[in-house]
Every structure is written in structure tokens, then in C-alpha cells.
Amino acid sequence: MQKKLTITISPDVYDGLQRVVGRGNISQFIEGLVRPHVTWASLEDGYRQLAEDRDDASSWREWSDQFGSEVTDEPW
């Protein structure tokens, strides 16, 4: 269920939102910006996607390899 929220912003910010985002999309745009900062579900989804992304994992491995023997696959 959606909730209605009233906010106050300056006219130039409102005009910019209408120009850039579009008149009917402002609420969705603001929610997209705010959601990661206030919900844990988004954070968990982000971690899950990071864990599933093999290309990203190989990028991290390449980055970590520059530190030499300090980083290994062996358990501690």
C-alpha cells in the first residue's frame, strides 16, 4: 500500500525535477534515491547480486592480487 508524503522544496528544484524526470515520475524517482538509505532489503539484494556476479568477483581478485602473498585462498 502506497503512502502519501508532502515535502517542501524550492521552485528551481521542482522545475528541474519536472524537466529531467518528468511530471508523472517524480515520486518514483525520489523513492529510488531514498530507498537504499532506509530499507535493509535493498542492501541485502545488493549483497546478493554482488555475490552472484562472477565478473565482479574476478575484478576483486585482480585487485587483491596486487598485494602479493598477503591474500590467499587458504583458510586462516
C-alpha atoms as a PDB file:
ATOM      1  CA  MET A   1       0.000   0.000   0.000  1.00  0.00           C
ATOM      2  CA  GLN A   2       1.418   3.354  -1.030  1.00  0.00           C
ATOM      3  CA  LYS A   3       1.638   6.231   1.459  1.00  0.00           C
ATOM      4  CA  LYS A   4       1.348   9.885   0.540  1.00  0.00           C
ATOM      5  CA  LEU A   5       4.110  12.247   1.686  1.00  0.00           C
ATOM      6  CA  THR A   6       4.150  16.011   1.417  1.00  0.00           C
ATOM      7  CA  ILE A   7       7.587  17.631   1.109  1.00  0.00           C
ATOM      8  CA  THR A   8       8.685  21.214   0.565  1.00  0.00           C
ATOM      9  CA  ILE A   9      11.349  22.030  -1.999  1.00  0.00           C
ATOM     10  CA  SER A  10      12.455  25.182  -3.750  1.00  0.00           C
ATOM     11  CA  PRO A  11      10.801  26.112  -7.049  1.00  0.00           C
ATOM     12  CA  ASP A  12      14.031  25.676  -9.030  1.00  0.00           C
ATOM     13  CA  VAL A  13      14.468  22.112  -7.717  1.00  0.00           C
ATOM     14  CA  TYR A  14      10.855  21.301  -8.557  1.00  0.00           C
ATOM     15  CA  ASP A  15      11.229  22.746 -12.069  1.00  0.00           C
ATOM     16  CA  GLY A  16      14.410  20.720 -12.534  1.00  0.00           C
ATOM     17  CA  LEU A  17      12.656  17.537 -11.430  1.00  0.00           C
ATOM     18  CA  GLN A  18       9.874  18.154 -13.932  1.00  0.00           C
ATOM     19  CA  ARG A  19      12.363  18.828 -16.730  1.00  0.00           C
ATOM     20  CA  VAL A  20      14.718  15.935 -16.028  1.00  0.00           C
ATOM     21  CA  VAL A  21      12.486  13.228 -14.557  1.00  0.00           C
ATOM     22  CA  GLY A  22       9.096  14.120 -15.981  1.00  0.00           C
ATOM     23  CA  ARG A  23       5.933  15.280 -14.312  1.00  0.00           C
ATOM     24  CA  GLY A  24       4.465  11.867 -13.521  1.00  0.00           C
ATOM     25  CA  ASN A  25       7.711  10.258 -12.385  1.00  0.00           C
ATOM     26  CA  ILE A  26       8.914  12.470  -9.526  1.00  0.00           C
ATOM     27  CA  SER A  27       7.638  10.249  -6.700  1.00  0.00           C
ATOM     28  CA  GLN A  28       9.206   7.121  -8.188  1.00  0.00           C
ATOM     29  CA  PHE A  29      12.488   8.977  -8.767  1.00  0.00           C
ATOM     30  CA  ILE A  30      12.662  10.228  -5.170  1.00  0.00           C
ATOM     31  CA  GLU A  31      11.742   6.795  -3.804  1.00  0.00           C
ATOM     32  CA  GLY A  32      14.563   5.246  -5.834  1.00  0.00           C
ATOM     33  CA  LEU A  33      17.026   7.706  -4.323  1.00  0.00           C
ATOM     34  CA  VAL A  34      15.815   7.272  -0.748  1.00  0.00           C
ATOM     35  CA  ARG A  35      15.120   3.519  -0.630  1.00  0.00           C
ATOM     36  CA  PRO A  36      18.749   2.305  -0.306  1.00  0.00           C
ATOM     37  CA  HIS A  37      19.229   4.558   2.709  1.00  0.00           C
ATOM     38  CA  VAL A  38      16.187   3.444   4.654  1.00  0.00           C
ATOM     39  CA  THR A  39      15.495  -0.216   3.824  1.00  0.00           C
ATOM     40  CA  TRP A  40      17.566  -3.280   4.608  1.00  0.00           C
ATOM     41  CA  ALA A  41      16.003  -5.287   1.786  1.00  0.00           C
ATOM     42  CA  SER A  42      17.799  -3.189  -0.818  1.00  0.00           C
ATOM     43  CA  LEU A  43      21.105  -3.667   0.953  1.00  0.00           C
ATOM     44  CA  GLU A  44      20.593  -7.423   1.125  1.00  0.00           C
ATOM     45  CA  ASP A  45      19.652  -7.509  -2.566  1.00  0.00           C
ATOM     46  CA  GLY A  46      22.805  -5.583  -3.400  1.00  0.00           C
ATOM     47  CA  TYR A  47      24.996  -8.011  -1.490  1.00  0.00           C
ATOM     48  CA  ARG A  48      23.213 -10.948  -3.117  1.00  0.00           C
ATOM     49  CA  GLN A  49      23.789  -9.508  -6.594  1.00  0.00           C
ATOM     50  CA  LEU A  50      27.429  -8.844  -5.766  1.00  0.00           C
ATOM     51  CA  ALA A  51      27.882 -12.452  -4.626  1.00  0.00           C
ATOM     52  CA  GLU A  52      26.258 -13.776  -7.811  1.00  0.00           C
ATOM     53  CA  ASP A  53      28.260 -11.575 -10.180  1.00  0.00           C
ATOM     54  CA  ARG A  54      31.264 -13.670 -11.212  1.00  0.00           C
ATOM     55  CA  ASP A  55      32.764 -10.919 -13.372  1.00  0.00           C
ATOM     56  CA  ASP A  56      32.764  -8.609 -10.379  1.00  0.00           C
ATOM     57  CA  ALA A  57      34.415 -11.296  -8.249  1.00  0.00           C
ATOM     58  CA  SER A  58      37.217 -11.695 -10.776  1.00  0.00           C
ATOM     59  CA  SER A  59      37.738  -7.916 -10.761  1.00  0.00           C
ATOM     60  CA  TRP A  60      38.149  -8.018  -6.999  1.00  0.00           C
ATOM     61  CA  ARG A  61      40.587 -10.926  -7.324  1.00  0.00           C
ATOM     62  CA  GLU A  62      42.694  -8.960  -9.817  1.00  0.00           C
ATOM     63  CA  TRP A  63      42.694  -6.008  -7.453  1.00  0.00           C
ATOM     64  CA  SER A  64      43.637  -8.145  -4.450  1.00  0.00           C
ATOM     65  CA  ASP A  65      46.420  -9.933  -6.366  1.00  0.00           C
ATOM     66  CA  GLN A  66      48.460  -6.745  -6.378  1.00  0.00           C
ATOM     67  CA  PHE A  67      49.061  -7.263  -2.666  1.00  0.00           C
ATOM     68  CA  GLY A  68      51.027 -10.450  -3.287  1.00  0.00           C
ATOM     69  CA  SER A  69      51.193 -13.230  -0.744  1.00  0.00           C
ATOM     70  CA  GLU A  70      49.170 -11.364   1.834  1.00  0.00           C
ATOM     71  CA  VAL A  71      45.984 -12.531   0.116  1.00  0.00           C
ATOM     72  CA  THR A  72      45.461 -16.273  -0.370  1.00  0.00           C
ATOM     73  CA  ASP A  73      42.614 -18.705  -0.838  1.00  0.00           C
ATOM     74  CA  GLU A  74      43.786 -20.743   2.112  1.00  0.00           C
ATOM     75  CA  PRO A  75      41.663 -20.736   5.278  1.00  0.00           C
ATOM     76  CA  TRP A  76      43.137 -18.929   8.240  1.00  0.00           C
END
